Amino acid sequence: MNRSLIINSIPFSPSKLDFSHFLIKEIGSIIKGGKDFLDVGCGRLFFYDLLLQINAKGNYIGVDLEPRGTINPLSKLSSKVVKTDFLKFSSPKKFDIIACLWVLEHIKSDKVVLNRAAHFLKRGGYLILAIPSIWSWPFEFGRHGYHYYSKNQIVRYIEEVGLKIEYFYESAGFFGFLFMIVYNWSRFLILVVSLPIFFIFSIFGIYRKSWKDFSKSLISSTLYRYHRLKFCIVVHNYIVRALVTIDNLFKLLPASYVIIVKK
C-alpha cells in the first residue's frame, strides 16, 4: 500500500485514518480474485478509493441518494453508482463484500438497513461496518446522525441478523478524542459567536441566504481554509497519524467501531 495516497489526499480524522490502515491491512485476504462489491451510502466514494489503492478487481456498485464522488473509468473495477435510497435498491444478484461505512447512524430504522444488507450478501460473503461509538458524541453533539453505538448494542444487532463477527476493531482513542474536541469545538465556537451577526444581517437584508449556507461558507473560509492547501493537509494528517500510533497502544475512548462480519 502506498500510504502517501492516504496522507496527501484529504484531512483525515483519527478515526478514519485508523480505519483506512486497518481495512487495507485486513481486507486483502478476503478480496482475492474478482469480487462483487456493494457500497451502501457510498457518498464521496471513500470505500471505492480504498479499493483502487489495493488494486481490487471485480464489479463495484455504489448506492446513495446524493453520490458525490467520481468513478475512474481506467480502473480494474467495473464500476457504477446508482442514485437511489438503499431501502429501494434492487439487484438480481448478491454480493461478496458489502460496505456500510458510517451509514447506519444516519437512518432511524438502522436495523432495517442491516437486515437488507444481509439479504444482499452471498453465503460466505462479508459485510464491513463502520459506525460512530458513544465516545464520539461529545465532539459531535449528535450532528453525525441519529445513533451512537455501544459495543454491546452493535454486537447484539449483528447477532439478531444472524451474522458472525470475524473482526471487531476499535478505531482511534483518547488522544484522537482530544484532537477532535479541539477540532470541532473551535468550529462550534465560531458559529455561536457569528449567530447574532447572521440575525442582524438577515433582519436588515444584508444577507438573504439560509443559516446553513452562511455557516458553511463561514467555516470553509476561516477554520477549514487550510483544507485547500496540500502542505497543510499533509501536516494535519501526519499529526493525526502520530496520535493514531499512540492510541493503538491503549485504545481508550474509541471514536468508531469497525466490524467485519461473515454470512
Protein backbone atom coordinates (compact mmCIF):
# COMPACT_ATOMS: atom_id res chain seq x y z
CA MET A 1 0.00 0.00 0.00
CA ASN A 2 1.23 3.49 -0.82
CA ARG A 3 0.43 5.35 2.39
CA SER A 4 1.17 8.70 0.76
CA LEU A 5 -2.05 8.28 -1.21
CA ILE A 6 -3.91 8.43 2.09
CA ILE A 7 -1.74 11.00 3.83
CA ASN A 8 -1.80 13.52 0.96
CA SER A 9 -5.42 13.32 -0.14
CA ILE A 10 -7.82 14.92 2.36
CA PRO A 11 -7.68 15.91 6.04
CA PHE A 12 -8.48 12.70 7.93
CA SER A 13 -9.97 12.37 11.38
CA PRO A 14 -8.07 9.97 13.66
CA SER A 15 -10.93 7.51 13.33
CA LYS A 16 -10.97 7.46 9.53
CA LEU A 17 -7.20 7.29 9.18
CA ASP A 18 -7.01 4.43 11.67
CA PHE A 19 -9.89 2.71 9.89
CA SER A 20 -8.21 3.08 6.48
CA HIS A 21 -4.97 1.48 7.64
CA PHE A 22 -6.81 -1.32 9.43
CA LEU A 23 -9.09 -2.14 6.50
CA ILE A 24 -6.38 -2.07 3.85
CA LYS A 25 -4.33 -4.42 6.03
CA GLU A 26 -7.20 -6.86 6.73
CA ILE A 27 -9.23 -6.80 3.53
CA GLY A 28 -6.52 -8.24 1.28
CA SER A 29 -7.23 -11.82 2.32
CA ILE A 30 -10.95 -11.59 1.51
CA ILE A 31 -10.85 -9.86 -1.89
CA LYS A 32 -8.51 -12.17 -3.76
CA GLY A 33 -9.72 -12.72 -7.31
CA GLY A 34 -12.65 -10.84 -8.80
CA LYS A 35 -15.36 -9.88 -6.31
CA ASP A 36 -18.76 -8.22 -6.44
CA PHE A 37 -18.80 -5.15 -4.17
CA LEU A 38 -21.79 -3.17 -2.93
CA ASP A 39 -21.13 0.16 -1.23
CA VAL A 40 -24.16 1.26 0.81
CA GLY A 41 -24.32 5.04 1.18
CA CYS A 42 -21.22 5.46 -0.99
CA GLY A 43 -21.19 9.28 -0.68
CA ARG A 44 -17.79 10.57 -1.82
CA LEU A 45 -16.72 7.01 -2.79
CA PHE A 46 -14.39 6.60 0.18
CA PHE A 47 -14.57 2.78 0.05
CA TYR A 48 -14.20 2.79 -3.74
CA ASP A 49 -11.00 4.84 -3.46
CA LEU A 50 -9.60 2.36 -0.93
CA LEU A 51 -10.36 -0.49 -3.33
CA LEU A 52 -8.49 1.32 -6.09
CA GLN A 53 -5.46 1.74 -3.82
CA ILE A 54 -5.20 -2.01 -3.27
CA ASN A 55 -5.88 -2.80 -6.96
CA ALA A 56 -9.10 -4.68 -6.27
CA LYS A 57 -10.71 -6.46 -9.21
CA GLY A 58 -14.31 -7.29 -9.97
CA ASN A 59 -17.54 -5.32 -10.03
CA TYR A 60 -18.40 -2.32 -7.85
CA ILE A 61 -21.82 -0.76 -7.28
CA GLY A 62 -22.23 2.31 -5.09
CA VAL A 63 -25.67 3.28 -3.82
CA ASP A 64 -26.51 6.72 -2.43
CA LEU A 65 -29.26 9.32 -2.59
CA GLU A 66 -26.65 12.00 -3.31
CA PRO A 67 -23.41 10.43 -4.57
CA ARG A 68 -20.59 12.96 -4.89
CA GLY A 69 -17.53 11.00 -5.99
CA THR A 70 -16.15 10.28 -9.44
CA ILE A 71 -15.68 6.82 -10.95
CA ASN A 72 -12.30 6.10 -12.56
CA PRO A 73 -13.05 4.55 -15.99
CA LEU A 74 -9.49 3.19 -16.25
CA SER A 75 -9.57 1.12 -13.04
CA LYS A 76 -9.66 -2.69 -12.93
CA LEU A 77 -13.06 -2.47 -11.24
CA SER A 78 -16.16 -2.47 -13.42
CA SER A 79 -17.92 0.33 -11.55
CA LYS A 80 -21.17 2.26 -11.42
CA VAL A 81 -23.06 4.42 -8.96
CA VAL A 82 -26.83 4.13 -8.50
CA LYS A 83 -28.61 7.24 -7.26
CA THR A 84 -31.34 5.84 -5.03
CA ASP A 85 -32.36 5.08 -1.46
CA PHE A 86 -30.75 1.81 -0.38
CA LEU A 87 -34.10 0.67 1.01
CA LYS A 88 -35.46 0.90 -2.56
CA PHE A 89 -32.39 -0.58 -4.24
CA SER A 90 -32.92 -3.85 -6.11
CA SER A 91 -30.49 -6.27 -7.73
CA PRO A 92 -30.90 -9.73 -9.25
CA LYS A 93 -27.54 -10.80 -7.84
CA LYS A 94 -25.94 -10.91 -4.42
CA PHE A 95 -22.54 -9.60 -3.39
CA ASP A 96 -19.28 -10.98 -2.00
CA ILE A 97 -18.50 -7.85 0.01
CA ILE A 98 -20.86 -5.13 1.20
CA ALA A 99 -19.52 -1.96 2.80
CA CYS A 100 -21.70 0.16 5.05
CA LEU A 101 -19.34 2.83 6.36
CA TRP A 102 -20.72 5.45 8.74
CA VAL A 103 -24.21 5.00 7.27
CA LEU A 104 -26.32 3.13 9.85
CA GLU A 105 -26.29 6.05 12.26
CA HIS A 106 -27.90 8.37 9.68
CA ILE A 107 -31.01 6.20 9.33
CA LYS A 108 -33.65 5.95 12.05
CA SER A 109 -34.54 2.40 11.06
CA ASP A 110 -30.93 1.23 11.26
CA LYS A 111 -31.89 -2.39 11.93
CA VAL A 112 -33.83 -2.47 8.66
CA VAL A 113 -30.71 -1.37 6.75
CA LEU A 114 -28.63 -4.03 8.49
CA ASN A 115 -31.16 -6.72 7.60
CA ARG A 116 -31.36 -5.55 3.99
CA ALA A 117 -27.57 -5.55 3.68
CA ALA A 118 -27.52 -9.12 5.00
CA HIS A 119 -30.15 -10.05 2.40
CA PHE A 120 -27.89 -8.91 -0.47
CA LEU A 121 -24.88 -10.75 0.92
CA LYS A 122 -23.77 -14.06 -0.60
CA ARG A 123 -23.37 -17.07 1.65
CA GLY A 124 -19.77 -16.83 2.87
CA GLY A 125 -19.67 -13.13 1.96
CA TYR A 126 -18.50 -10.28 4.20
CA LEU A 127 -20.24 -7.18 5.49
CA ILE A 128 -17.93 -4.34 6.56
CA LEU A 129 -19.48 -1.93 9.05
CA ALA A 130 -18.10 1.33 10.42
CA ILE A 131 -20.19 3.19 12.99
CA PRO A 132 -19.63 6.03 15.49
CA SER A 133 -19.24 4.97 19.10
CA ILE A 134 -20.86 6.70 22.06
CA TRP A 135 -17.46 8.32 22.69
CA SER A 136 -17.73 10.44 19.55
CA TRP A 137 -20.91 12.19 20.73
CA PRO A 138 -19.08 14.78 22.94
CA PHE A 139 -17.28 16.29 19.94
CA GLU A 140 -20.21 15.98 17.53
CA PHE A 141 -23.24 16.71 19.74
CA GLY A 142 -25.36 14.31 17.72
CA ARG A 143 -24.55 16.08 14.44
CA HIS A 144 -23.35 12.89 12.77
CA GLY A 145 -26.68 11.06 12.88
CA TYR A 146 -29.50 9.57 14.91
CA HIS A 147 -27.46 6.83 16.57
CA TYR A 148 -24.24 6.46 18.56
CA TYR A 149 -23.46 2.86 19.43
CA SER A 150 -22.08 0.99 22.39
CA LYS A 151 -20.08 -2.16 21.72
CA ASN A 152 -22.73 -4.40 23.30
CA GLN A 153 -25.50 -2.78 21.25
CA ILE A 154 -23.95 -3.32 17.83
CA VAL A 155 -22.87 -6.87 18.73
CA ARG A 156 -26.48 -7.62 19.66
CA TYR A 157 -27.77 -6.14 16.37
CA ILE A 158 -25.39 -8.29 14.35
CA GLU A 159 -26.31 -11.45 16.24
CA GLU A 160 -30.02 -10.75 15.71
CA VAL A 161 -29.43 -10.58 11.94
CA GLY A 162 -27.70 -13.96 12.08
CA LEU A 163 -24.22 -12.87 11.02
CA LYS A 164 -20.91 -13.95 12.52
CA ILE A 165 -18.32 -11.39 13.67
CA GLU A 166 -14.87 -12.08 12.18
CA TYR A 167 -13.10 -8.88 13.28
CA PHE A 168 -14.08 -6.21 15.78
CA TYR A 169 -11.79 -3.17 15.70
CA GLU A 170 -11.88 -0.06 17.87
CA SER A 171 -10.80 2.88 15.74
CA ALA A 172 -8.83 5.82 17.27
CA GLY A 173 -8.74 6.52 21.01
CA PHE A 174 -8.09 9.02 23.80
CA PHE A 175 -5.64 11.35 22.03
CA GLY A 176 -7.78 11.27 18.92
CA PHE A 177 -10.70 12.15 21.18
CA LEU A 178 -8.85 15.23 22.49
CA PHE A 179 -7.87 16.22 18.93
CA MET A 180 -11.48 16.07 17.76
CA ILE A 181 -12.67 18.05 20.79
CA VAL A 182 -10.32 20.91 19.81
CA TYR A 183 -11.03 20.49 16.08
CA ASN A 184 -14.83 20.52 16.37
CA TRP A 185 -15.36 22.80 19.36
CA SER A 186 -13.40 25.53 17.57
CA ARG A 187 -15.98 25.35 14.80
CA PHE A 188 -18.89 25.43 17.24
CA LEU A 189 -17.39 28.45 19.00
CA ILE A 190 -17.10 30.36 15.71
CA LEU A 191 -20.70 29.51 14.83
CA VAL A 192 -22.04 30.59 18.24
CA VAL A 193 -20.23 33.94 18.04
CA SER A 194 -21.39 34.51 14.45
CA LEU A 195 -25.07 33.68 15.09
CA PRO A 196 -26.05 37.21 16.27
CA ILE A 197 -24.25 38.68 13.27
CA PHE A 198 -26.25 36.41 10.96
CA PHE A 199 -29.56 37.54 12.52
CA ILE A 200 -28.62 41.23 12.23
CA PHE A 201 -27.59 40.80 8.60
CA SER A 202 -30.82 38.91 7.87
CA ILE A 203 -33.08 41.48 9.55
CA PHE A 204 -31.57 44.37 7.61
CA GLY A 205 -31.49 42.43 4.35
CA ILE A 206 -27.70 42.45 4.10
CA TYR A 207 -27.61 38.65 3.80
CA ARG A 208 -30.52 36.74 2.26
CA LYS A 209 -29.35 33.14 2.31
CA SER A 210 -30.07 30.49 4.97
CA TRP A 211 -28.12 29.90 8.18
CA LYS A 212 -26.92 26.62 6.69
CA ASP A 213 -25.38 28.43 3.71
CA PHE A 214 -23.97 31.18 5.94
CA SER A 215 -22.36 28.81 8.46
CA LYS A 216 -20.93 26.53 5.78
CA SER A 217 -19.37 29.46 3.92
CA LEU A 218 -18.01 30.95 7.16
CA ILE A 219 -16.31 27.76 8.36
CA SER A 220 -14.97 26.98 4.89
CA SER A 221 -13.39 30.43 4.56
CA THR A 222 -11.94 30.54 8.08
CA LEU A 223 -11.24 27.41 10.13
CA TYR A 224 -11.21 24.96 7.21
CA ARG A 225 -9.43 27.20 4.75
CA TYR A 226 -6.32 25.04 5.07
CA HIS A 227 -8.28 22.10 3.58
CA ARG A 228 -7.45 23.60 0.18
CA LEU A 229 -3.69 23.67 0.78
CA LYS A 230 -1.79 20.42 0.17
CA PHE A 231 1.02 21.24 2.60
CA CYS A 232 -1.48 21.89 5.40
CA ILE A 233 -3.31 18.66 4.64
CA VAL A 234 -0.05 16.72 4.87
CA VAL A 235 0.84 18.34 8.22
CA HIS A 236 -2.69 17.72 9.53
CA ASN A 237 -2.56 14.04 8.58
CA TYR A 238 0.93 13.48 9.99
CA ILE A 239 -0.25 14.85 13.32
CA VAL A 240 -3.31 12.60 13.15
CA ARG A 241 -1.16 9.59 12.24
CA ALA A 242 1.09 10.21 15.25
CA LEU A 243 -1.97 10.35 17.50
CA VAL A 244 -3.32 7.14 16.00
CA THR A 245 0.02 5.39 16.59
CA ILE A 246 -0.11 6.32 20.27
CA ASP A 247 -3.79 5.43 20.62
CA ASN A 248 -3.19 1.99 19.13
CA LEU A 249 -1.13 1.20 22.22
CA PHE A 250 -4.04 1.80 24.60
CA LYS A 251 -7.40 2.01 22.77
CA LEU A 252 -9.25 4.20 25.26
CA LEU A 253 -12.43 6.04 24.15
CA PRO A 254 -12.53 4.79 20.52
CA ALA A 255 -14.42 7.11 18.18
CA SER A 256 -15.66 4.35 15.87
CA TYR A 257 -16.21 0.63 15.75
CA VAL A 258 -15.22 -1.27 12.63
CA ILE A 259 -16.76 -4.72 12.31
CA ILE A 260 -16.20 -7.31 9.59
CA VAL A 261 -18.95 -9.95 9.71
CA LYS A 262 -19.48 -13.10 7.68
CA LYS A 263 -22.70 -14.68 6.43
